Amino acid sequence: MSICAENSLLRLLTVGAVLASLAGCASSAGSGRNNDTARVGSSVERVSPVRAAEANTRLGVGYLEQGKLQIALEKLELAVHQDPKHAPAHLALGIIYQSIGRNDTALYHMKTAVALAPEDGSAHNNYAVLLCRVGRFPEADREFLKALEDPFYQTPEVVLANAGSCARRWGESERAERYLREALTYDPAFGEALFSMSELSFDQGRLLPARGFLQRLESQGELTPEALLLAVRIERALGNEATAQQYASRLRSRHPGSAQAEALKRDNLN
């Protein structure tokens, strides 16, 4: 299970988030062609630029999924050269450029993707996440809402959790809670929303709800370092020192080199 910390929405801008949008193009890196010709029997058939772009997008997304960013970038740049209107290639390029810190280029490709595929909820969701990362909250919020307008979007709880995390980051607590609670109506066990609701409740001094959301999360499996640190802080704020120490011990023993384990020392929580 992936449980995110205060930058949870930023972690959702990943290959996993885009694959649904690329379902028509995505496959393993070994399936697709990487040039503009294909052999049919003993003859050679010219492949149109559009088909070549689709093939290179398949390859690029496959490599992206494997973490091979350089070759993925090459295939996807070739794809948009072959067909500048191929939205999935722009979307995948946006993810790559975001992952290497080139946010301006990432924004260009994400914006292009939503312009080319205005009804694609995944494109709007990914663009919104990036807009939030760079501090453009009002625009991000609008893009999240556009993502939710897609009647074929299969995981609206992901969009809502992203929107909630973004709103919380920019101080919109009421809006954040509304989005996160709605996410949990779609999937009451959705880890991202449970963790974000626990964080939000803790921020607001609502300690028992904060604990409740975290306990619901813990019932699904092992907590991540971020969630364990939050548990320490919640239990200590409630005056439950023994329970806080149990969580702290788990954090130190299971994730000794993590930033959260270091935070225990820095904040004198161990």
C-alpha atoms as a PDB file:
ATOM      1  CA  MET A   1       0.000   0.000   0.000  1.00  0.00           C
ATOM      2  CA  SER A   2       1.229   3.467  -0.808  1.00  0.00           C
ATOM      3  CA  ILE A   3       0.497   6.007   1.890  1.00  0.00           C
ATOM      4  CA  CYS A   4       1.590   9.528   1.083  1.00  0.00           C
ATOM      5  CA  ALA A   5       2.751  12.410   3.216  1.00  0.00           C
ATOM      6  CA  GLU A   6       1.977  16.115   2.988  1.00  0.00           C
ATOM      7  CA  ASN A   7       3.030  16.199  -0.647  1.00  0.00           C
ATOM      8  CA  SER A   8       0.793  13.227  -1.414  1.00  0.00           C
ATOM      9  CA  LEU A   9      -0.717  14.641  -4.567  1.00  0.00           C
ATOM     10  CA  LEU A  10       2.731  15.121  -6.067  1.00  0.00           C
ATOM     11  CA  ARG A  11       3.454  11.443  -5.808  1.00  0.00           C
ATOM     12  CA  LEU A  12       0.361  10.599  -7.812  1.00  0.00           C
ATOM     13  CA  LEU A  13       1.859  12.160 -10.911  1.00  0.00           C
ATOM     14  CA  THR A  14       3.393   8.865 -12.002  1.00  0.00           C
ATOM     15  CA  VAL A  15       3.269   6.311 -14.754  1.00  0.00           C
ATOM     16  CA  GLY A  16       0.470   4.565 -12.909  1.00  0.00           C
ATOM     17  CA  ALA A  17      -1.658   7.676 -13.074  1.00  0.00           C
ATOM     18  CA  VAL A  18      -1.276   8.069 -16.811  1.00  0.00           C
ATOM     19  CA  LEU A  19      -1.613   4.475 -17.961  1.00  0.00           C
ATOM     20  CA  ALA A  20      -5.388   4.627 -17.974  1.00  0.00           C
ATOM     21  CA  SER A  21      -5.273   7.502 -20.418  1.00  0.00           C
ATOM     22  CA  LEU A  22      -2.752   5.666 -22.548  1.00  0.00           C
ATOM     23  CA  ALA A  23      -4.614   2.355 -22.479  1.00  0.00           C
ATOM     24  CA  GLY A  24      -5.051   2.474 -26.207  1.00  0.00           C
ATOM     25  CA  CYS A  25      -1.344   3.016 -26.710  1.00  0.00           C
ATOM     26  CA  ALA A  26       0.435   1.495 -23.749  1.00  0.00           C
ATOM     27  CA  SER A  27       2.061  -1.897 -23.752  1.00  0.00           C
ATOM     28  CA  SER A  28       5.379  -3.398 -22.822  1.00  0.00           C
ATOM     29  CA  ALA A  29       8.482  -1.884 -24.328  1.00  0.00           C
ATOM     30  CA  GLY A  30       9.072  -4.926 -26.436  1.00  0.00           C
ATOM     31  CA  SER A  31       5.810  -4.712 -28.352  1.00  0.00           C
ATOM     32  CA  GLY A  32       5.555  -1.911 -30.879  1.00  0.00           C
ATOM     33  CA  ARG A  33       7.784  -0.712 -33.681  1.00  0.00           C
ATOM     34  CA  ASN A  34      10.403   1.956 -33.369  1.00  0.00           C
ATOM     35  CA  ASN A  35      10.595   3.081 -36.989  1.00  0.00           C
ATOM     36  CA  ASP A  36       8.207   4.110 -39.701  1.00  0.00           C
ATOM     37  CA  THR A  37       8.165   0.891 -41.706  1.00  0.00           C
ATOM     38  CA  ALA A  38       6.688  -2.529 -41.037  1.00  0.00           C
ATOM     39  CA  ARG A  39       7.245  -5.786 -42.887  1.00  0.00           C
ATOM     40  CA  VAL A  40       4.149  -7.557 -44.186  1.00  0.00           C
ATOM     41  CA  GLY A  41       5.055 -10.893 -45.659  1.00  0.00           C
ATOM     42  CA  SER A  42       7.949 -10.304 -48.018  1.00  0.00           C
ATOM     43  CA  SER A  43       6.999  -6.698 -48.777  1.00  0.00           C
ATOM     44  CA  VAL A  44       7.606  -3.483 -46.897  1.00  0.00           C
ATOM     45  CA  GLU A  45       4.576  -1.393 -45.952  1.00  0.00           C
ATOM     46  CA  ARG A  46       4.995   2.301 -45.219  1.00  0.00           C
ATOM     47  CA  VAL A  47       3.503   3.265 -41.885  1.00  0.00           C
ATOM     48  CA  SER A  48       1.746   6.612 -41.622  1.00  0.00           C
ATOM     49  CA  PRO A  49       3.170   9.208 -39.232  1.00  0.00           C
ATOM     50  CA  VAL A  50       0.103   8.763 -37.026  1.00  0.00           C
ATOM     51  CA  ARG A  51       0.641   5.014 -36.713  1.00  0.00           C
ATOM     52  CA  ALA A  52       4.359   5.520 -36.187  1.00  0.00           C
ATOM     53  CA  ALA A  53       3.605   7.994 -33.394  1.00  0.00           C
ATOM     54  CA  GLU A  54       1.281   5.479 -31.751  1.00  0.00           C
ATOM     55  CA  ALA A  55       3.967   2.793 -31.942  1.00  0.00           C
ATOM     56  CA  ASN A  56       6.608   5.053 -30.441  1.00  0.00           C
ATOM     57  CA  THR A  57       4.189   6.100 -27.721  1.00  0.00           C
ATOM     58  CA  ARG A  58       3.681   2.439 -26.855  1.00  0.00           C
ATOM     59  CA  LEU A  59       7.428   2.009 -26.639  1.00  0.00           C
ATOM     60  CA  GLY A  60       7.944   5.212 -24.690  1.00  0.00           C
ATOM     61  CA  VAL A  61       5.282   4.410 -22.123  1.00  0.00           C
ATOM     62  CA  GLY A  62       6.679   0.919 -21.734  1.00  0.00           C
ATOM     63  CA  TYR A  63      10.142   2.288 -21.037  1.00  0.00           C
ATOM     64  CA  LEU A  64       8.682   4.928 -18.740  1.00  0.00           C
ATOM     65  CA  GLU A  65       6.936   2.231 -16.735  1.00  0.00           C
ATOM     66  CA  GLN A  66      10.291   0.459 -16.381  1.00  0.00           C
ATOM     67  CA  GLY A  67      11.965   3.649 -15.180  1.00  0.00           C
ATOM     68  CA  LYS A  68      14.141   3.979 -18.299  1.00  0.00           C
ATOM     69  CA  LEU A  69      13.577   7.699 -18.655  1.00  0.00           C
ATOM     70  CA  GLN A  70      16.206   8.543 -21.269  1.00  0.00           C
ATOM     71  CA  ILE A  71      15.035   6.061 -23.870  1.00  0.00           C
ATOM     72  CA  ALA A  72      11.395   6.757 -22.984  1.00  0.00           C
ATOM     73  CA  LEU A  73      12.033  10.442 -23.616  1.00  0.00           C
ATOM     74  CA  GLU A  74      13.605   9.692 -26.986  1.00  0.00           C
ATOM     75  CA  LYS A  75      10.644   7.569 -28.124  1.00  0.00           C
ATOM     76  CA  LEU A  76       8.053  10.049 -26.931  1.00  0.00           C
ATOM     77  CA  GLU A  77       9.811  13.055 -28.456  1.00  0.00           C
ATOM     78  CA  LEU A  78       9.921  11.130 -31.717  1.00  0.00           C
ATOM     79  CA  ALA A  79       6.214  10.390 -31.364  1.00  0.00           C
ATOM     80  CA  VAL A  80       5.248  14.058 -31.041  1.00  0.00           C
ATOM     81  CA  HIS A  81       7.538  14.887 -33.955  1.00  0.00           C
ATOM     82  CA  GLN A  82       5.713  12.292 -36.064  1.00  0.00           C
ATOM     83  CA  ASP A  83       2.278  13.405 -34.878  1.00  0.00           C
ATOM     84  CA  PRO A  84       2.203  16.704 -32.955  1.00  0.00           C
ATOM     85  CA  LYS A  85      -1.476  16.102 -32.157  1.00  0.00           C
ATOM     86  CA  HIS A  86      -0.971  12.793 -30.346  1.00  0.00           C
ATOM     87  CA  ALA A  87      -2.241  13.657 -26.862  1.00  0.00           C
ATOM     88  CA  PRO A  88      -1.027  10.506 -25.029  1.00  0.00           C
ATOM     89  CA  ALA A  89       2.565  11.206 -26.063  1.00  0.00           C
ATOM     90  CA  HIS A  90       2.326  14.778 -24.768  1.00  0.00           C
ATOM     91  CA  LEU A  91       0.839  13.525 -21.508  1.00  0.00           C
ATOM     92  CA  ALA A  92       3.635  11.004 -20.983  1.00  0.00           C
ATOM     93  CA  LEU A  93       6.243  13.624 -21.859  1.00  0.00           C
ATOM     94  CA  GLY A  94       4.727  15.903 -19.257  1.00  0.00           C
ATOM     95  CA  ILE A  95       5.200  13.199 -16.644  1.00  0.00           C
ATOM     96  CA  ILE A  96       8.823  12.620 -17.612  1.00  0.00           C
ATOM     97  CA  TYR A  97       9.728  16.304 -17.605  1.00  0.00           C
ATOM     98  CA  GLN A  98       7.983  16.800 -14.264  1.00  0.00           C
ATOM     99  CA  SER A  99       9.927  13.897 -12.786  1.00  0.00           C
ATOM    100  CA  ILE A 100      13.263  15.464 -13.758  1.00  0.00           C
ATOM    101  CA  GLY A 101      12.302  18.919 -12.508  1.00  0.00           C
ATOM    102  CA  ARG A 102      11.694  20.633 -15.840  1.00  0.00           C
ATOM    103  CA  ASN A 103       8.311  21.978 -14.839  1.00  0.00           C
ATOM    104  CA  ASP A 104       7.975  24.589 -17.595  1.00  0.00           C
ATOM    105  CA  THR A 105       8.411  21.955 -20.293  1.00  0.00           C
ATOM    106  CA  ALA A 106       6.136  19.589 -18.395  1.00  0.00           C
ATOM    107  CA  LEU A 107       3.435  22.260 -18.218  1.00  0.00           C
ATOM    108  CA  TYR A 108       3.686  22.843 -21.957  1.00  0.00           C
ATOM    109  CA  HIS A 109       3.120  19.168 -22.748  1.00  0.00           C
ATOM    110  CA  MET A 110       0.367  18.752 -20.157  1.00  0.00           C
ATOM    111  CA  LYS A 111      -1.450  21.826 -21.432  1.00  0.00           C
ATOM    112  CA  THR A 112      -1.108  20.541 -24.982  1.00  0.00           C
ATOM    113  CA  ALA A 113      -2.512  17.164 -23.945  1.00  0.00           C
ATOM    114  CA  VAL A 114      -5.652  18.647 -22.398  1.00  0.00           C
ATOM    115  CA  ALA A 115      -6.147  20.919 -25.403  1.00  0.00           C
ATOM    116  CA  LEU A 116      -5.935  17.922 -27.738  1.00  0.00           C
ATOM    117  CA  ALA A 117      -8.065  15.662 -25.530  1.00  0.00           C
ATOM    118  CA  PRO A 118     -10.415  18.000 -23.629  1.00  0.00           C
ATOM    119  CA  GLU A 119     -12.680  15.167 -22.484  1.00  0.00           C
ATOM    120  CA  ASP A 120      -9.858  13.006 -21.086  1.00  0.00           C
ATOM    121  CA  GLY A 121     -10.129  13.063 -17.303  1.00  0.00           C
ATOM    122  CA  SER A 122      -6.672  11.578 -16.805  1.00  0.00           C
ATOM    123  CA  ALA A 123      -5.059  14.395 -18.782  1.00  0.00           C
ATOM    124  CA  HIS A 124      -6.871  17.028 -16.715  1.00  0.00           C
ATOM    125  CA  ASN A 125      -5.999  15.256 -13.454  1.00  0.00           C
ATOM    126  CA  ASN A 126      -2.299  15.086 -14.266  1.00  0.00           C
ATOM    127  CA  TYR A 127      -2.223  18.683 -15.461  1.00  0.00           C
ATOM    128  CA  ALA A 128      -3.976  19.766 -12.267  1.00  0.00           C
ATOM    129  CA  VAL A 129      -1.446  17.971 -10.075  1.00  0.00           C
ATOM    130  CA  LEU A 130       1.403  19.744 -11.831  1.00  0.00           C
ATOM    131  CA  LEU A 131      -0.332  23.126 -11.611  1.00  0.00           C
ATOM    132  CA  CYS A 132      -0.685  22.610  -7.879  1.00  0.00           C
ATOM    133  CA  ARG A 133       2.980  21.690  -7.570  1.00  0.00           C
ATOM    134  CA  VAL A 134       4.013  25.011  -9.120  1.00  0.00           C
ATOM    135  CA  GLY A 135       1.620  27.041  -6.982  1.00  0.00           C
ATOM    136  CA  ARG A 136      -1.185  27.730  -9.440  1.00  0.00           C
ATOM    137  CA  PHE A 137      -3.981  26.571  -7.140  1.00  0.00           C
ATOM    138  CA  PRO A 138      -7.063  28.198  -8.766  1.00  0.00           C
ATOM    139  CA  GLU A 139      -6.118  26.744 -12.152  1.00  0.00           C
ATOM    140  CA  ALA A 140      -5.368  23.377 -10.579  1.00  0.00           C
ATOM    141  CA  ASP A 141      -8.764  23.294  -8.905  1.00  0.00           C
ATOM    142  CA  ARG A 142     -10.508  24.021 -12.195  1.00  0.00           C
ATOM    143  CA  GLU A 143      -8.605  21.212 -13.903  1.00  0.00           C
ATOM    144  CA  PHE A 144      -9.529  18.740 -11.159  1.00  0.00           C
ATOM    145  CA  LEU A 145     -13.183  19.624 -11.680  1.00  0.00           C
ATOM    146  CA  LYS A 146     -12.814  19.126 -15.428  1.00  0.00           C
ATOM    147  CA  ALA A 147     -11.331  15.690 -14.767  1.00  0.00           C
ATOM    148  CA  LEU A 148     -14.417  14.793 -12.759  1.00  0.00           C
ATOM    149  CA  GLU A 149     -16.628  15.711 -15.714  1.00  0.00           C
ATOM    150  CA  ASP A 150     -15.293  12.704 -17.633  1.00  0.00           C
ATOM    151  CA  PRO A 151     -18.102  10.104 -17.334  1.00  0.00           C
ATOM    152  CA  PHE A 152     -15.692   7.311 -18.247  1.00  0.00           C
ATOM    153  CA  TYR A 153     -13.058   8.154 -15.627  1.00  0.00           C
ATOM    154  CA  GLN A 154     -12.829   4.978 -13.577  1.00  0.00           C
ATOM    155  CA  THR A 155     -11.204   6.328 -10.406  1.00  0.00           C
ATOM    156  CA  PRO A 156     -12.817   9.644  -9.417  1.00  0.00           C
ATOM    157  CA  GLU A 157     -11.600   9.039  -5.864  1.00  0.00           C
ATOM    158  CA  VAL A 158      -8.035   9.601  -7.111  1.00  0.00           C
ATOM    159  CA  VAL A 159      -8.964  12.968  -8.602  1.00  0.00           C
ATOM    160  CA  LEU A 160     -10.818  13.960  -5.449  1.00  0.00           C
ATOM    161  CA  ALA A 161      -7.939  12.916  -3.194  1.00  0.00           C
ATOM    162  CA  ASN A 162      -5.544  14.903  -5.359  1.00  0.00           C
ATOM    163  CA  ALA A 163      -7.855  17.900  -5.259  1.00  0.00           C
ATOM    164  CA  GLY A 164      -8.159  17.600  -1.492  1.00  0.00           C
ATOM    165  CA  SER A 165      -4.412  17.364  -0.989  1.00  0.00           C
ATOM    166  CA  CYS A 166      -3.904  20.376  -3.231  1.00  0.00           C
ATOM    167  CA  ALA A 167      -6.529  22.427  -1.408  1.00  0.00           C
ATOM    168  CA  ARG A 168      -4.977  21.523   1.954  1.00  0.00           C
ATOM    169  CA  ARG A 169      -1.557  22.531   0.718  1.00  0.00           C
ATOM    170  CA  TRP A 170      -2.829  25.976  -0.208  1.00  0.00           C
ATOM    171  CA  GLY A 171      -4.742  26.570   3.016  1.00  0.00           C
ATOM    172  CA  GLU A 172      -8.230  25.744   1.757  1.00  0.00           C
ATOM    173  CA  SER A 173      -9.152  23.411   4.622  1.00  0.00           C
ATOM    174  CA  GLU A 174     -12.919  23.358   4.107  1.00  0.00           C
ATOM    175  CA  ARG A 175     -12.562  22.648   0.410  1.00  0.00           C
ATOM    176  CA  ALA A 176      -9.947  19.991   1.151  1.00  0.00           C
ATOM    177  CA  GLU A 177     -12.220  18.191   3.586  1.00  0.00           C
ATOM    178  CA  ARG A 178     -15.126  18.282   1.164  1.00  0.00           C
ATOM    179  CA  TYR A 179     -13.059  16.702  -1.603  1.00  0.00           C
ATOM    180  CA  LEU A 180     -11.496  14.085   0.663  1.00  0.00           C
ATOM    181  CA  ARG A 181     -14.802  13.022   2.177  1.00  0.00           C
ATOM    182  CA  GLU A 182     -16.281  12.695  -1.281  1.00  0.00           C
ATOM    183  CA  ALA A 183     -13.311  10.535  -2.307  1.00  0.00           C
ATOM    184  CA  LEU A 184     -14.109   8.230   0.600  1.00  0.00           C
ATOM    185  CA  THR A 185     -17.716   7.890  -0.560  1.00  0.00           C
ATOM    186  CA  TYR A 186     -16.367   6.292  -3.737  1.00  0.00           C
ATOM    187  CA  ASP A 187     -13.850   4.118  -1.895  1.00  0.00           C
ATOM    188  CA  PRO A 188     -14.038   4.087   1.925  1.00  0.00           C
ATOM    189  CA  ALA A 189     -10.698   2.257   2.064  1.00  0.00           C
ATOM    190  CA  PHE A 190      -8.782   4.591  -0.245  1.00  0.00           C
ATOM    191  CA  GLY A 191      -5.461   5.051   1.514  1.00  0.00           C
ATOM    192  CA  GLU A 192      -4.509   8.432   0.056  1.00  0.00           C
ATOM    193  CA  ALA A 193      -7.768   9.998   1.219  1.00  0.00           C
ATOM    194  CA  LEU A 194      -7.647   8.359   4.658  1.00  0.00           C
ATOM    195  CA  PHE A 195      -4.128   9.596   5.277  1.00  0.00           C
ATOM    196  CA  SER A 196      -4.907  13.104   4.047  1.00  0.00           C
ATOM    197  CA  MET A 197      -8.028  13.244   6.226  1.00  0.00           C
ATOM    198  CA  SER A 198      -5.950  12.172   9.223  1.00  0.00           C
ATOM    199  CA  GLU A 199      -3.407  14.907   8.496  1.00  0.00           C
ATOM    200  CA  LEU A 200      -6.108  17.513   7.967  1.00  0.00           C
ATOM    201  CA  SER A 201      -7.891  16.563  11.187  1.00  0.00           C
ATOM    202  CA  PHE A 202      -4.606  16.719  13.099  1.00  0.00           C
ATOM    203  CA  ASP A 203      -3.860  20.161  11.656  1.00  0.00           C
ATOM    204  CA  GLN A 204      -7.260  21.336  12.901  1.00  0.00           C
ATOM    205  CA  GLY A 205      -6.709  19.917  16.381  1.00  0.00           C
ATOM    206  CA  ARG A 206      -9.372  17.237  15.924  1.00  0.00           C
ATOM    207  CA  LEU A 207      -7.279  14.491  17.431  1.00  0.00           C
ATOM    208  CA  LEU A 208      -9.830  11.698  17.787  1.00  0.00           C
ATOM    209  CA  PRO A 209     -10.945  11.894  14.138  1.00  0.00           C
ATOM    210  CA  ALA A 210      -7.272  12.067  13.136  1.00  0.00           C
ATOM    211  CA  ARG A 211      -6.636   8.861  15.039  1.00  0.00           C
ATOM    212  CA  GLY A 212      -9.765   7.257  13.600  1.00  0.00           C
ATOM    213  CA  PHE A 213      -8.767   7.856   9.995  1.00  0.00           C
ATOM    214  CA  LEU A 214      -5.270   6.560  10.680  1.00  0.00           C
ATOM    215  CA  GLN A 215      -6.630   3.448  12.388  1.00  0.00           C
ATOM    216  CA  ARG A 216      -8.796   2.756   9.342  1.00  0.00           C
ATOM    217  CA  LEU A 217      -5.675   3.050   7.260  1.00  0.00           C
ATOM    218  CA  GLU A 218      -3.671   0.784   9.547  1.00  0.00           C
ATOM    219  CA  SER A 219      -6.351  -1.900   9.367  1.00  0.00           C
ATOM    220  CA  GLN A 220      -5.446  -2.354   5.704  1.00  0.00           C
ATOM    221  CA  GLY A 221      -1.757  -3.084   6.206  1.00  0.00           C
ATOM    222  CA  GLU A 222       1.585  -1.770   7.406  1.00  0.00           C
ATOM    223  CA  LEU A 223       1.883   1.987   7.729  1.00  0.00           C
ATOM    224  CA  THR A 224       4.536   3.882   5.805  1.00  0.00           C
ATOM    225  CA  PRO A 225       7.111   6.058   7.588  1.00  0.00           C
ATOM    226  CA  GLU A 226       4.972   9.151   6.997  1.00  0.00           C
ATOM    227  CA  ALA A 227       1.932   7.538   8.560  1.00  0.00           C
ATOM    228  CA  LEU A 228       3.925   6.156  11.492  1.00  0.00           C
ATOM    229  CA  LEU A 229       5.309   9.605  12.270  1.00  0.00           C
ATOM    230  CA  LEU A 230       1.820  11.066  12.129  1.00  0.00           C
ATOM    231  CA  ALA A 231       0.644   8.325  14.499  1.00  0.00           C
ATOM    232  CA  VAL A 232       3.397   9.249  16.963  1.00  0.00           C
ATOM    233  CA  ARG A 233       2.332  12.888  16.882  1.00  0.00           C
ATOM    234  CA  ILE A 234      -1.360  12.102  17.262  1.00  0.00           C
ATOM    235  CA  GLU A 235      -0.874   9.768  20.211  1.00  0.00           C
ATOM    236  CA  ARG A 236       1.507  12.140  21.936  1.00  0.00           C
ATOM    237  CA  ALA A 237      -0.965  15.007  21.498  1.00  0.00           C
ATOM    238  CA  LEU A 238      -3.642  12.785  23.049  1.00  0.00           C
ATOM    239  CA  GLY A 239      -1.374  12.077  25.994  1.00  0.00           C
ATOM    240  CA  ASN A 240      -0.923   8.407  25.130  1.00  0.00           C
ATOM    241  CA  GLU A 241       2.825   8.246  25.598  1.00  0.00           C
ATOM    242  CA  ALA A 242       3.048   4.440  25.642  1.00  0.00           C
ATOM    243  CA  THR A 243       1.228   4.120  22.319  1.00  0.00           C
ATOM    244  CA  ALA A 244       3.294   6.951  20.848  1.00  0.00           C
ATOM    245  CA  GLN A 245       6.456   5.100  21.843  1.00  0.00           C
ATOM    246  CA  GLN A 246       5.188   1.906  20.201  1.00  0.00           C
ATOM    247  CA  TYR A 247       4.717   3.727  16.899  1.00  0.00           C
ATOM    248  CA  ALA A 248       8.084   5.444  17.300  1.00  0.00           C
ATOM    249  CA  SER A 249       9.768   2.092  17.902  1.00  0.00           C
ATOM    250  CA  ARG A 250       8.184   0.659  14.752  1.00  0.00           C
ATOM    251  CA  LEU A 251       9.349   3.650  12.757  1.00  0.00           C
ATOM    252  CA  ARG A 252      12.927   3.413  14.041  1.00  0.00           C
ATOM    253  CA  SER A 253      13.215  -0.356  13.611  1.00  0.00           C
ATOM    254  CA  ARG A 254      11.511  -0.729  10.232  1.00  0.00           C
ATOM    255  CA  HIS A 255      12.653   2.494   8.565  1.00  0.00           C
ATOM    256  CA  PRO A 256      15.890   3.468  10.347  1.00  0.00           C
ATOM    257  CA  GLY A 257      17.287   5.602   7.540  1.00  0.00           C
ATOM    258  CA  SER A 258      14.100   7.437   6.663  1.00  0.00           C
ATOM    259  CA  ALA A 259      13.568  11.169   6.935  1.00  0.00           C
ATOM    260  CA  GLN A 260      10.715  10.428   9.322  1.00  0.00           C
ATOM    261  CA  ALA A 261      13.009   8.503  11.684  1.00  0.00           C
ATOM    262  CA  GLU A 262      15.338  11.499  11.645  1.00  0.00           C
ATOM    263  CA  ALA A 263      12.369  13.744  12.398  1.00  0.00           C
ATOM    264  CA  LEU A 264      11.764  11.750  15.574  1.00  0.00           C
ATOM    265  CA  LYS A 265      15.193  12.795  16.797  1.00  0.00           C
ATOM    266  CA  ARG A 266      14.940  16.364  15.560  1.00  0.00           C
ATOM    267  CA  ASP A 267      11.523  16.928  17.130  1.00  0.00           C
ATOM    268  CA  ASN A 268      12.425  14.986  20.289  1.00  0.00           C
ATOM    269  CA  LEU A 269       9.637  12.493  19.644  1.00  0.00           C
ATOM    270  CA  ASN A 270      11.645   9.320  20.222  1.00  0.00           C
END
